[in-house]
Amino acid sequence: MKLLSFIHQGRETWGAVVGDGVVDLGKARPQQPTLADYIASGDYLQAAQHVEGLPVVGKLADISYLPVIPRPEKIVCAVRNYMDHHQEVLAAGMQRELSEFPPIFLRVWRSQTAHNQPIVRPPVSESLDWEGELAVIIGKGGRNIPESQAYEHIAGYACYNDGSVREWQFHAKQIASGKNFESTGGFGPWMVTADEIAPGRELKLETRLNGEVVQSSHTGHMIFSIPRLINYASTIFTLTPGDVFITGTPAGVGWSKKPPRFMKPGDLCEVEIEGIGVLSNPIVQQD
């Protein structure tokens, strides 16, 4: 099932994709005002039954999307989690040793933007780079989650563009400042529930800039697996339903190119992941 957050008749709501339209489950289930609430209840496991008999309120082509989880408590991001990306970082002259443990940082929810909504280039830098990534949405919270049980805690998967302001990312060894500019992280268009994607399935991932393929890989190339990321992060803090993991990007980022190439106003960046869909974001300049 595909679940999403969107705006309908001027209010934030959430629902399910049915054909080429969307059903407003937020209106039908007022006890769960957000998709995160629905996930926390565990009811999302019966989403197919919950849409039965409900009307389609709009076409997917016409709705105004929100980030899949508009205000997650935590957005946990993996750093250099694809071997080919690690190698391109080394080739670009940055000395970065492979870590024994997963390097992670946190994004804030205001740094996100939705499918078909703009990624915003800030006025302080032109070095806005793309990073196509697989997003994992937590369904069942917990602390100290064993790797062997990690997939039981996943509600679903989505596309993410971890838009990065490289100049600010390199201000210090801690990269989070370049990863948290408002409206730079595309998240969408929807979440595909975990029952539709087998645990550990290798998914093709492709990023396109103005139709040109700039990244092409698959999730089997991750250095640290999804269960390892969940285990590691949950050792530090309690995971809650609706938390989001961004699992790293493969080779092909603009910063590594010679000369470097970045997203600019007027561009269109797309992230496509097999079995999930296509996330599309125009690039605009911040006023």
C-alpha atoms as a PDB file:
ATOM      1  CA  MET A   1       0.000   0.000   0.000  1.00  0.00           C
ATOM      2  CA  LYS A   2       1.155   3.544  -0.702  1.00  0.00           C
ATOM      3  CA  LEU A   3       0.491   5.984   2.165  1.00  0.00           C
ATOM      4  CA  LEU A   4       1.104   9.717   1.965  1.00  0.00           C
ATOM      5  CA  SER A   5       0.554  13.107   3.569  1.00  0.00           C
ATOM      6  CA  PHE A   6      -1.045  15.931   1.585  1.00  0.00           C
ATOM      7  CA  ILE A   7      -3.181  19.057   1.736  1.00  0.00           C
ATOM      8  CA  HIS A   8      -6.897  18.775   0.970  1.00  0.00           C
ATOM      9  CA  GLN A   9      -9.326  21.685   1.091  1.00  0.00           C
ATOM     10  CA  GLY A  10      -6.788  23.792   2.932  1.00  0.00           C
ATOM     11  CA  ARG A  11      -5.991  21.321   5.704  1.00  0.00           C
ATOM     12  CA  GLU A  12      -3.148  18.909   6.285  1.00  0.00           C
ATOM     13  CA  THR A  13      -4.242  15.294   6.083  1.00  0.00           C
ATOM     14  CA  TRP A  14      -3.020  11.877   5.049  1.00  0.00           C
ATOM     15  CA  GLY A  15      -4.290   8.975   3.043  1.00  0.00           C
ATOM     16  CA  ALA A  16      -3.692   6.136   0.632  1.00  0.00           C
ATOM     17  CA  VAL A  17      -3.108   5.885  -3.088  1.00  0.00           C
ATOM     18  CA  VAL A  18      -5.903   4.107  -4.947  1.00  0.00           C
ATOM     19  CA  GLY A  19      -5.296   3.866  -8.678  1.00  0.00           C
ATOM     20  CA  ASP A  20      -4.419   7.352  -9.895  1.00  0.00           C
ATOM     21  CA  GLY A  21      -6.204   9.022  -6.987  1.00  0.00           C
ATOM     22  CA  VAL A  22      -5.979   9.446  -3.240  1.00  0.00           C
ATOM     23  CA  VAL A  23      -8.332   8.531  -0.387  1.00  0.00           C
ATOM     24  CA  ASP A  24      -8.483  10.873   2.628  1.00  0.00           C
ATOM     25  CA  LEU A  25      -7.950   8.521   5.563  1.00  0.00           C
ATOM     26  CA  GLY A  26      -7.227  11.443   7.868  1.00  0.00           C
ATOM     27  CA  LYS A  27     -10.843  12.560   7.555  1.00  0.00           C
ATOM     28  CA  ALA A  28     -12.175   9.019   7.921  1.00  0.00           C
ATOM     29  CA  ARG A  29     -10.037   8.320  10.993  1.00  0.00           C
ATOM     30  CA  PRO A  30     -10.043  11.508  13.120  1.00  0.00           C
ATOM     31  CA  GLN A  31      -8.592   9.563  16.043  1.00  0.00           C
ATOM     32  CA  GLN A  32      -5.361   9.446  14.018  1.00  0.00           C
ATOM     33  CA  PRO A  33      -4.846  13.005  12.737  1.00  0.00           C
ATOM     34  CA  THR A  34      -1.432  12.310  11.161  1.00  0.00           C
ATOM     35  CA  LEU A  35       0.190   9.480   9.251  1.00  0.00           C
ATOM     36  CA  ALA A  36       2.655   9.113  12.130  1.00  0.00           C
ATOM     37  CA  ASP A  37      -0.295   8.526  14.487  1.00  0.00           C
ATOM     38  CA  TYR A  38      -1.682   5.891  12.125  1.00  0.00           C
ATOM     39  CA  ILE A  39       1.693   4.174  12.001  1.00  0.00           C
ATOM     40  CA  ALA A  40       2.062   4.304  15.786  1.00  0.00           C
ATOM     41  CA  SER A  41      -1.294   2.573  16.240  1.00  0.00           C
ATOM     42  CA  GLY A  42      -0.254  -0.339  14.045  1.00  0.00           C
ATOM     43  CA  ASP A  43      -3.456   0.106  12.051  1.00  0.00           C
ATOM     44  CA  TYR A  44      -1.467   0.785   8.874  1.00  0.00           C
ATOM     45  CA  LEU A  45      -1.064  -2.982   8.581  1.00  0.00           C
ATOM     46  CA  GLN A  46      -4.763  -3.079   7.612  1.00  0.00           C
ATOM     47  CA  ALA A  47      -4.647  -0.067   5.284  1.00  0.00           C
ATOM     48  CA  ALA A  48      -6.103  -1.997   2.348  1.00  0.00           C
ATOM     49  CA  GLN A  49      -9.238  -2.731   4.370  1.00  0.00           C
ATOM     50  CA  HIS A  50      -9.482   0.819   5.688  1.00  0.00           C
ATOM     51  CA  VAL A  51      -9.785   2.356   2.207  1.00  0.00           C
ATOM     52  CA  GLU A  52     -12.672   0.101   1.189  1.00  0.00           C
ATOM     53  CA  GLY A  53     -15.801   2.099   0.432  1.00  0.00           C
ATOM     54  CA  LEU A  54     -14.105   5.478   0.833  1.00  0.00           C
ATOM     55  CA  PRO A  55     -14.256   8.023  -2.008  1.00  0.00           C
ATOM     56  CA  VAL A  56     -11.275   9.250  -3.967  1.00  0.00           C
ATOM     57  CA  VAL A  57     -10.902  12.941  -3.104  1.00  0.00           C
ATOM     58  CA  GLY A  58      -8.474  13.928  -5.834  1.00  0.00           C
ATOM     59  CA  LYS A  59      -6.096  12.849  -8.554  1.00  0.00           C
ATOM     60  CA  LEU A  60      -2.443  12.326  -7.692  1.00  0.00           C
ATOM     61  CA  ALA A  61      -1.555  14.768 -10.453  1.00  0.00           C
ATOM     62  CA  ASP A  62      -3.570  17.509  -8.763  1.00  0.00           C
ATOM     63  CA  ILE A  63      -2.936  17.178  -5.026  1.00  0.00           C
ATOM     64  CA  SER A  64      -0.501  19.253  -2.989  1.00  0.00           C
ATOM     65  CA  TYR A  65       1.922  16.829  -1.371  1.00  0.00           C
ATOM     66  CA  LEU A  66       3.507  17.114   2.059  1.00  0.00           C
ATOM     67  CA  PRO A  67       6.663  15.283   3.143  1.00  0.00           C
ATOM     68  CA  VAL A  68       5.621  11.688   3.856  1.00  0.00           C
ATOM     69  CA  ILE A  69       6.085  12.301   7.587  1.00  0.00           C
ATOM     70  CA  PRO A  70       5.858  16.102   7.823  1.00  0.00           C
ATOM     71  CA  ARG A  71       7.298  16.492  11.346  1.00  0.00           C
ATOM     72  CA  PRO A  72       9.217  13.386  12.366  1.00  0.00           C
ATOM     73  CA  GLU A  73      10.751  13.399  15.810  1.00  0.00           C
ATOM     74  CA  LYS A  74      14.048  12.243  14.334  1.00  0.00           C
ATOM     75  CA  ILE A  75      15.587  12.093  10.859  1.00  0.00           C
ATOM     76  CA  VAL A  76      18.641   9.866  11.227  1.00  0.00           C
ATOM     77  CA  CYS A  77      21.058  10.151   8.304  1.00  0.00           C
ATOM     78  CA  ALA A  78      23.889   7.788   7.377  1.00  0.00           C
ATOM     79  CA  VAL A  79      27.164   9.262   6.098  1.00  0.00           C
ATOM     80  CA  ARG A  80      29.228   7.736   3.257  1.00  0.00           C
ATOM     81  CA  ASN A  81      27.279   4.486   3.410  1.00  0.00           C
ATOM     82  CA  TYR A  82      27.985   3.300  -0.148  1.00  0.00           C
ATOM     83  CA  MET A  83      31.455   2.018  -1.009  1.00  0.00           C
ATOM     84  CA  ASP A  84      31.511   3.714  -4.418  1.00  0.00           C
ATOM     85  CA  HIS A  85      30.625   7.056  -2.798  1.00  0.00           C
ATOM     86  CA  HIS A  86      33.345   6.557  -0.189  1.00  0.00           C
ATOM     87  CA  GLN A  87      35.815   5.941  -3.015  1.00  0.00           C
ATOM     88  CA  GLU A  88      34.781   9.084  -4.903  1.00  0.00           C
ATOM     89  CA  VAL A  89      35.258  11.091  -1.702  1.00  0.00           C
ATOM     90  CA  LEU A  90      38.808   9.732  -1.448  1.00  0.00           C
ATOM     91  CA  ALA A  91      39.440  10.448  -5.145  1.00  0.00           C
ATOM     92  CA  ALA A  92      38.369  14.046  -4.574  1.00  0.00           C
ATOM     93  CA  GLY A  93      41.180  14.445  -2.043  1.00  0.00           C
ATOM     94  CA  MET A  94      39.315  14.046   1.232  1.00  0.00           C
ATOM     95  CA  GLN A  95      40.991  11.601   3.597  1.00  0.00           C
ATOM     96  CA  ARG A  96      38.177   9.665   5.205  1.00  0.00           C
ATOM     97  CA  GLU A  97      38.809   6.267   6.772  1.00  0.00           C
ATOM     98  CA  LEU A  98      36.083   3.650   6.789  1.00  0.00           C
ATOM     99  CA  SER A  99      34.570   3.605  10.244  1.00  0.00           C
ATOM    100  CA  GLU A 100      33.987   0.504  12.326  1.00  0.00           C
ATOM    101  CA  PHE A 101      30.670   2.050  13.351  1.00  0.00           C
ATOM    102  CA  PRO A 102      27.952   3.745  11.255  1.00  0.00           C
ATOM    103  CA  PRO A 103      28.591   7.516  11.027  1.00  0.00           C
ATOM    104  CA  ILE A 104      25.238   9.253  11.524  1.00  0.00           C
ATOM    105  CA  PHE A 105      23.850  12.762  12.006  1.00  0.00           C
ATOM    106  CA  LEU A 106      20.384  14.249  12.465  1.00  0.00           C
ATOM    107  CA  ARG A 107      18.314  16.432  10.165  1.00  0.00           C
ATOM    108  CA  VAL A 108      15.584  18.726  11.481  1.00  0.00           C
ATOM    109  CA  TRP A 109      12.083  18.408  10.050  1.00  0.00           C
ATOM    110  CA  ARG A 110      12.013  21.952   8.675  1.00  0.00           C
ATOM    111  CA  SER A 111      14.818  20.969   6.309  1.00  0.00           C
ATOM    112  CA  GLN A 112      12.367  18.767   4.390  1.00  0.00           C
ATOM    113  CA  THR A 113      10.244  19.494   1.354  1.00  0.00           C
ATOM    114  CA  ALA A 114       7.625  17.412  -0.436  1.00  0.00           C
ATOM    115  CA  HIS A 115       7.228  15.786  -3.832  1.00  0.00           C
ATOM    116  CA  ASN A 116       6.623  18.401  -6.556  1.00  0.00           C
ATOM    117  CA  GLN A 117       7.546  21.139  -4.073  1.00  0.00           C
ATOM    118  CA  PRO A 118      10.756  23.141  -4.534  1.00  0.00           C
ATOM    119  CA  ILE A 119      14.155  22.426  -3.110  1.00  0.00           C
ATOM    120  CA  VAL A 120      15.357  25.884  -2.128  1.00  0.00           C
ATOM    121  CA  ARG A 121      18.908  27.093  -2.767  1.00  0.00           C
ATOM    122  CA  PRO A 122      19.923  29.495   0.017  1.00  0.00           C
ATOM    123  CA  PRO A 123      21.479  32.865  -0.817  1.00  0.00           C
ATOM    124  CA  VAL A 124      24.678  32.106   1.126  1.00  0.00           C
ATOM    125  CA  SER A 125      25.969  29.423  -1.261  1.00  0.00           C
ATOM    126  CA  GLU A 126      25.615  28.050  -4.784  1.00  0.00           C
ATOM    127  CA  SER A 127      26.960  24.606  -3.812  1.00  0.00           C
ATOM    128  CA  LEU A 128      23.580  22.850  -3.485  1.00  0.00           C
ATOM    129  CA  ASP A 129      24.199  19.181  -4.288  1.00  0.00           C
ATOM    130  CA  TRP A 130      21.922  16.174  -4.837  1.00  0.00           C
ATOM    131  CA  GLU A 131      22.011  12.893  -2.913  1.00  0.00           C
ATOM    132  CA  GLY A 132      19.444  10.275  -3.913  1.00  0.00           C
ATOM    133  CA  GLU A 133      18.727   7.976  -0.971  1.00  0.00           C
ATOM    134  CA  LEU A 134      16.370   5.313   0.345  1.00  0.00           C
ATOM    135  CA  ALA A 135      14.280   6.468   3.305  1.00  0.00           C
ATOM    136  CA  VAL A 136      13.121   3.997   5.953  1.00  0.00           C
ATOM    137  CA  ILE A 137      10.117   4.881   8.143  1.00  0.00           C
ATOM    138  CA  ILE A 138       9.986   3.351  11.605  1.00  0.00           C
ATOM    139  CA  GLY A 139       6.718   1.629  12.503  1.00  0.00           C
ATOM    140  CA  LYS A 140       7.427   0.201  15.930  1.00  0.00           C
ATOM    141  CA  GLY A 141       9.593   2.097  18.368  1.00  0.00           C
ATOM    142  CA  GLY A 142      12.171   0.679  20.704  1.00  0.00           C
ATOM    143  CA  ARG A 143      15.577   0.862  22.308  1.00  0.00           C
ATOM    144  CA  ASN A 144      18.549  -1.462  21.765  1.00  0.00           C
ATOM    145  CA  ILE A 145      16.849  -3.162  18.819  1.00  0.00           C
ATOM    146  CA  PRO A 146      18.770  -6.292  17.730  1.00  0.00           C
ATOM    147  CA  GLU A 147      19.738  -6.447  14.070  1.00  0.00           C
ATOM    148  CA  SER A 148      17.846  -9.725  13.807  1.00  0.00           C
ATOM    149  CA  GLN A 149      14.606  -7.934  14.729  1.00  0.00           C
ATOM    150  CA  ALA A 150      15.161  -4.623  12.922  1.00  0.00           C
ATOM    151  CA  TYR A 151      12.874  -5.305   9.952  1.00  0.00           C
ATOM    152  CA  GLU A 152       9.999  -5.889  12.388  1.00  0.00           C
ATOM    153  CA  HIS A 153      10.302  -2.200  13.319  1.00  0.00           C
ATOM    154  CA  ILE A 154       9.989  -0.852   9.747  1.00  0.00           C
ATOM    155  CA  ALA A 155       6.656   0.525   8.522  1.00  0.00           C
ATOM    156  CA  GLY A 156       7.739   1.358   4.997  1.00  0.00           C
ATOM    157  CA  TYR A 157      10.100   2.939   2.499  1.00  0.00           C
ATOM    158  CA  ALA A 158      10.251   6.158   0.468  1.00  0.00           C
ATOM    159  CA  CYS A 159      12.538   8.205  -1.773  1.00  0.00           C
ATOM    160  CA  TYR A 160      14.703  10.982  -0.346  1.00  0.00           C
ATOM    161  CA  ASN A 161      16.953  13.659  -1.827  1.00  0.00           C
ATOM    162  CA  ASP A 162      19.387  14.599   0.926  1.00  0.00           C
ATOM    163  CA  GLY A 163      20.073  18.030  -0.572  1.00  0.00           C
ATOM    164  CA  SER A 164      23.404  19.282   0.741  1.00  0.00           C
ATOM    165  CA  VAL A 165      24.945  22.748   0.800  1.00  0.00           C
ATOM    166  CA  ARG A 166      28.536  21.567   0.390  1.00  0.00           C
ATOM    167  CA  GLU A 167      30.272  24.831   1.266  1.00  0.00           C
ATOM    168  CA  TRP A 168      28.571  24.858   4.661  1.00  0.00           C
ATOM    169  CA  GLN A 169      28.952  21.111   5.088  1.00  0.00           C
ATOM    170  CA  PHE A 170      32.726  21.580   4.982  1.00  0.00           C
ATOM    171  CA  HIS A 171      32.850  24.432   7.498  1.00  0.00           C
ATOM    172  CA  ALA A 172      33.811  21.889  10.156  1.00  0.00           C
ATOM    173  CA  LYS A 173      34.317  18.162  10.568  1.00  0.00           C
ATOM    174  CA  GLN A 174      30.689  17.898  11.713  1.00  0.00           C
ATOM    175  CA  ILE A 175      28.691  18.069   8.469  1.00  0.00           C
ATOM    176  CA  ALA A 176      25.181  18.748   9.789  1.00  0.00           C
ATOM    177  CA  SER A 177      25.203  22.505   9.097  1.00  0.00           C
ATOM    178  CA  GLY A 178      25.249  21.866   5.350  1.00  0.00           C
ATOM    179  CA  LYS A 179      22.483  19.285   5.652  1.00  0.00           C
ATOM    180  CA  ASN A 180      19.868  21.320   7.478  1.00  0.00           C
ATOM    181  CA  PHE A 181      19.042  24.361   5.372  1.00  0.00           C
ATOM    182  CA  GLU A 182      15.282  24.740   5.172  1.00  0.00           C
ATOM    183  CA  SER A 183      13.491  23.007   2.286  1.00  0.00           C
ATOM    184  CA  THR A 184      16.553  21.200   0.937  1.00  0.00           C
ATOM    185  CA  GLY A 185      15.584  17.581   1.692  1.00  0.00           C
ATOM    186  CA  GLY A 186      13.023  16.137  -0.711  1.00  0.00           C
ATOM    187  CA  PHE A 187      10.903  13.358   0.855  1.00  0.00           C
ATOM    188  CA  GLY A 188       8.219  11.463  -1.025  1.00  0.00           C
ATOM    189  CA  PRO A 189       6.088  11.046  -2.932  1.00  0.00           C
ATOM    190  CA  TRP A 190       4.683   8.391  -0.602  1.00  0.00           C
ATOM    191  CA  MET A 191       5.626   5.544   1.688  1.00  0.00           C
ATOM    192  CA  VAL A 192       5.351   2.004   0.347  1.00  0.00           C
ATOM    193  CA  THR A 193       4.446  -0.274   3.246  1.00  0.00           C
ATOM    194  CA  ALA A 194       7.061  -2.821   4.235  1.00  0.00           C
ATOM    195  CA  ASP A 195       4.900  -5.814   3.326  1.00  0.00           C
ATOM    196  CA  GLU A 196       5.427  -4.929  -0.354  1.00  0.00           C
ATOM    197  CA  ILE A 197       9.240  -4.954  -0.187  1.00  0.00           C
ATOM    198  CA  ALA A 198      10.964  -8.093   1.061  1.00  0.00           C
ATOM    199  CA  PRO A 199      13.508  -7.587   3.864  1.00  0.00           C
ATOM    200  CA  GLY A 200      16.946  -7.035   2.384  1.00  0.00           C
ATOM    201  CA  ARG A 201      15.684  -6.708  -1.190  1.00  0.00           C
ATOM    202  CA  GLU A 202      18.198  -4.857  -3.351  1.00  0.00           C
ATOM    203  CA  LEU A 203      16.452  -1.898  -4.958  1.00  0.00           C
ATOM    204  CA  LYS A 204      17.731   0.014  -7.970  1.00  0.00           C
ATOM    205  CA  LEU A 205      18.266   3.698  -7.172  1.00  0.00           C
ATOM    206  CA  GLU A 206      18.643   6.413  -9.810  1.00  0.00           C
ATOM    207  CA  THR A 207      19.012  10.187  -9.545  1.00  0.00           C
ATOM    208  CA  ARG A 208      18.378  12.422 -12.558  1.00  0.00           C
ATOM    209  CA  LEU A 209      19.116  16.107 -13.069  1.00  0.00           C
ATOM    210  CA  ASN A 210      17.079  17.611 -15.901  1.00  0.00           C
ATOM    211  CA  GLY A 211      16.581  14.080 -17.238  1.00  0.00           C
ATOM    212  CA  GLU A 212      20.278  13.165 -17.188  1.00  0.00           C
ATOM    213  CA  VAL A 213      21.193  10.187 -15.009  1.00  0.00           C
ATOM    214  CA  VAL A 214      23.753  11.375 -12.442  1.00  0.00           C
ATOM    215  CA  GLN A 215      23.535   8.479  -9.963  1.00  0.00           C
ATOM    216  CA  SER A 216      22.760   4.825 -10.679  1.00  0.00           C
ATOM    217  CA  SER A 217      23.239   2.099  -8.101  1.00  0.00           C
ATOM    218  CA  HIS A 218      21.295  -0.258  -5.866  1.00  0.00           C
ATOM    219  CA  THR A 219      20.789  -0.557  -2.147  1.00  0.00           C
ATOM    220  CA  GLY A 220      22.809  -3.772  -1.954  1.00  0.00           C
ATOM    221  CA  HIS A 221      25.935  -1.600  -2.113  1.00  0.00           C
ATOM    222  CA  MET A 222      25.398  -0.146   1.359  1.00  0.00           C
ATOM    223  CA  ILE A 223      28.354  -0.508   3.728  1.00  0.00           C
ATOM    224  CA  PHE A 224      26.172  -0.639   6.837  1.00  0.00           C
ATOM    225  CA  SER A 225      22.887  -2.475   6.336  1.00  0.00           C
ATOM    226  CA  ILE A 226      19.504  -1.099   7.352  1.00  0.00           C
ATOM    227  CA  PRO A 227      19.354  -3.452  10.371  1.00  0.00           C
ATOM    228  CA  ARG A 228      22.806  -2.268  11.476  1.00  0.00           C
ATOM    229  CA  LEU A 229      21.758   1.388  11.221  1.00  0.00           C
ATOM    230  CA  ILE A 230      18.614   0.732  13.267  1.00  0.00           C
ATOM    231  CA  ASN A 231      20.535  -1.268  15.860  1.00  0.00           C
ATOM    232  CA  TYR A 232      23.234   1.381  16.209  1.00  0.00           C
ATOM    233  CA  ALA A 233      20.917   4.384  16.422  1.00  0.00           C
ATOM    234  CA  SER A 234      18.532   2.665  18.826  1.00  0.00           C
ATOM    235  CA  THR A 235      21.447   1.990  21.147  1.00  0.00           C
ATOM    236  CA  ILE A 236      21.870   5.765  21.461  1.00  0.00           C
ATOM    237  CA  PHE A 237      18.235   6.860  21.671  1.00  0.00           C
ATOM    238  CA  THR A 238      14.742   5.403  21.686  1.00  0.00           C
ATOM    239  CA  LEU A 239      13.198   5.172  18.230  1.00  0.00           C
ATOM    240  CA  THR A 240       9.577   6.239  17.887  1.00  0.00           C
ATOM    241  CA  PRO A 241       6.968   5.499  15.190  1.00  0.00           C
ATOM    242  CA  GLY A 242       7.377   7.933  12.313  1.00  0.00           C
ATOM    243  CA  ASP A 243      11.123   8.386  12.786  1.00  0.00           C
ATOM    244  CA  VAL A 244      12.939   8.413   9.451  1.00  0.00           C
ATOM    245  CA  PHE A 245      16.268   6.857   8.481  1.00  0.00           C
ATOM    246  CA  ILE A 246      18.085   8.213   5.429  1.00  0.00           C
ATOM    247  CA  THR A 247      20.406   5.400   4.456  1.00  0.00           C
ATOM    248  CA  GLY A 248      23.178   7.070   2.443  1.00  0.00           C
ATOM    249  CA  THR A 249      23.884   7.968  -1.167  1.00  0.00           C
ATOM    250  CA  PRO A 250      25.845   6.183  -3.905  1.00  0.00           C
ATOM    251  CA  ALA A 251      28.534   7.655  -6.141  1.00  0.00           C
ATOM    252  CA  GLY A 252      27.710  10.429  -8.580  1.00  0.00           C
ATOM    253  CA  VAL A 253      27.211  13.491  -6.407  1.00  0.00           C
ATOM    254  CA  GLY A 254      27.876  16.812  -8.100  1.00  0.00           C
ATOM    255  CA  TRP A 255      30.657  17.844  -5.738  1.00  0.00           C
ATOM    256  CA  SER A 256      32.850  14.956  -6.948  1.00  0.00           C
ATOM    257  CA  LYS A 257      32.648  15.924 -10.610  1.00  0.00           C
ATOM    258  CA  LYS A 258      35.387  17.859 -12.399  1.00  0.00           C
ATOM    259  CA  PRO A 259      34.481  20.650 -12.422  1.00  0.00           C
ATOM    260  CA  PRO A 260      31.942  20.347  -9.599  1.00  0.00           C
ATOM    261  CA  ARG A 261      28.321  20.562 -10.673  1.00  0.00           C
ATOM    262  CA  PHE A 262      25.470  21.710  -8.474  1.00  0.00           C
ATOM    263  CA  MET A 263      21.704  22.152  -8.638  1.00  0.00           C
ATOM    264  CA  LYS A 264      20.637  25.629  -9.696  1.00  0.00           C
ATOM    265  CA  PRO A 265      17.339  27.492 -10.022  1.00  0.00           C
ATOM    266  CA  GLY A 266      15.323  26.149 -12.942  1.00  0.00           C
ATOM    267  CA  ASP A 267      16.671  22.607 -12.607  1.00  0.00           C
ATOM    268  CA  LEU A 268      14.526  19.553 -11.920  1.00  0.00           C
ATOM    269  CA  CYS A 269      15.962  16.783  -9.754  1.00  0.00           C
ATOM    270  CA  GLU A 270      14.365  13.334  -9.582  1.00  0.00           C
ATOM    271  CA  VAL A 271      15.105  10.337  -7.376  1.00  0.00           C
ATOM    272  CA  GLU A 272      13.646   7.027  -8.524  1.00  0.00           C
ATOM    273  CA  ILE A 273      13.771   3.826  -6.472  1.00  0.00           C
ATOM    274  CA  GLU A 274      12.582   0.470  -7.748  1.00  0.00           C
ATOM    275  CA  GLY A 275       9.310  -0.614  -6.195  1.00  0.00           C
ATOM    276  CA  ILE A 276       8.659   2.785  -4.632  1.00  0.00           C
ATOM    277  CA  GLY A 277       8.297   5.546  -7.226  1.00  0.00           C
ATOM    278  CA  VAL A 278       9.758   8.849  -8.373  1.00  0.00           C
ATOM    279  CA  LEU A 279      10.414  11.878  -6.164  1.00  0.00           C
ATOM    280  CA  SER A 280      10.532  15.082  -8.210  1.00  0.00           C
ATOM    281  CA  ASN A 281      11.636  18.535  -7.041  1.00  0.00           C
ATOM    282  CA  PRO A 282      12.183  21.772  -8.975  1.00  0.00           C
ATOM    283  CA  ILE A 283      15.048  23.929  -7.747  1.00  0.00           C
ATOM    284  CA  VAL A 284      14.367  27.558  -6.828  1.00  0.00           C
ATOM    285  CA  GLN A 285      16.362  30.394  -5.301  1.00  0.00           C
ATOM    286  CA  GLN A 286      15.467  31.580  -1.815  1.00  0.00           C
ATOM    287  CA  ASP A 287      13.972  35.066  -1.919  1.00  0.00           C
END
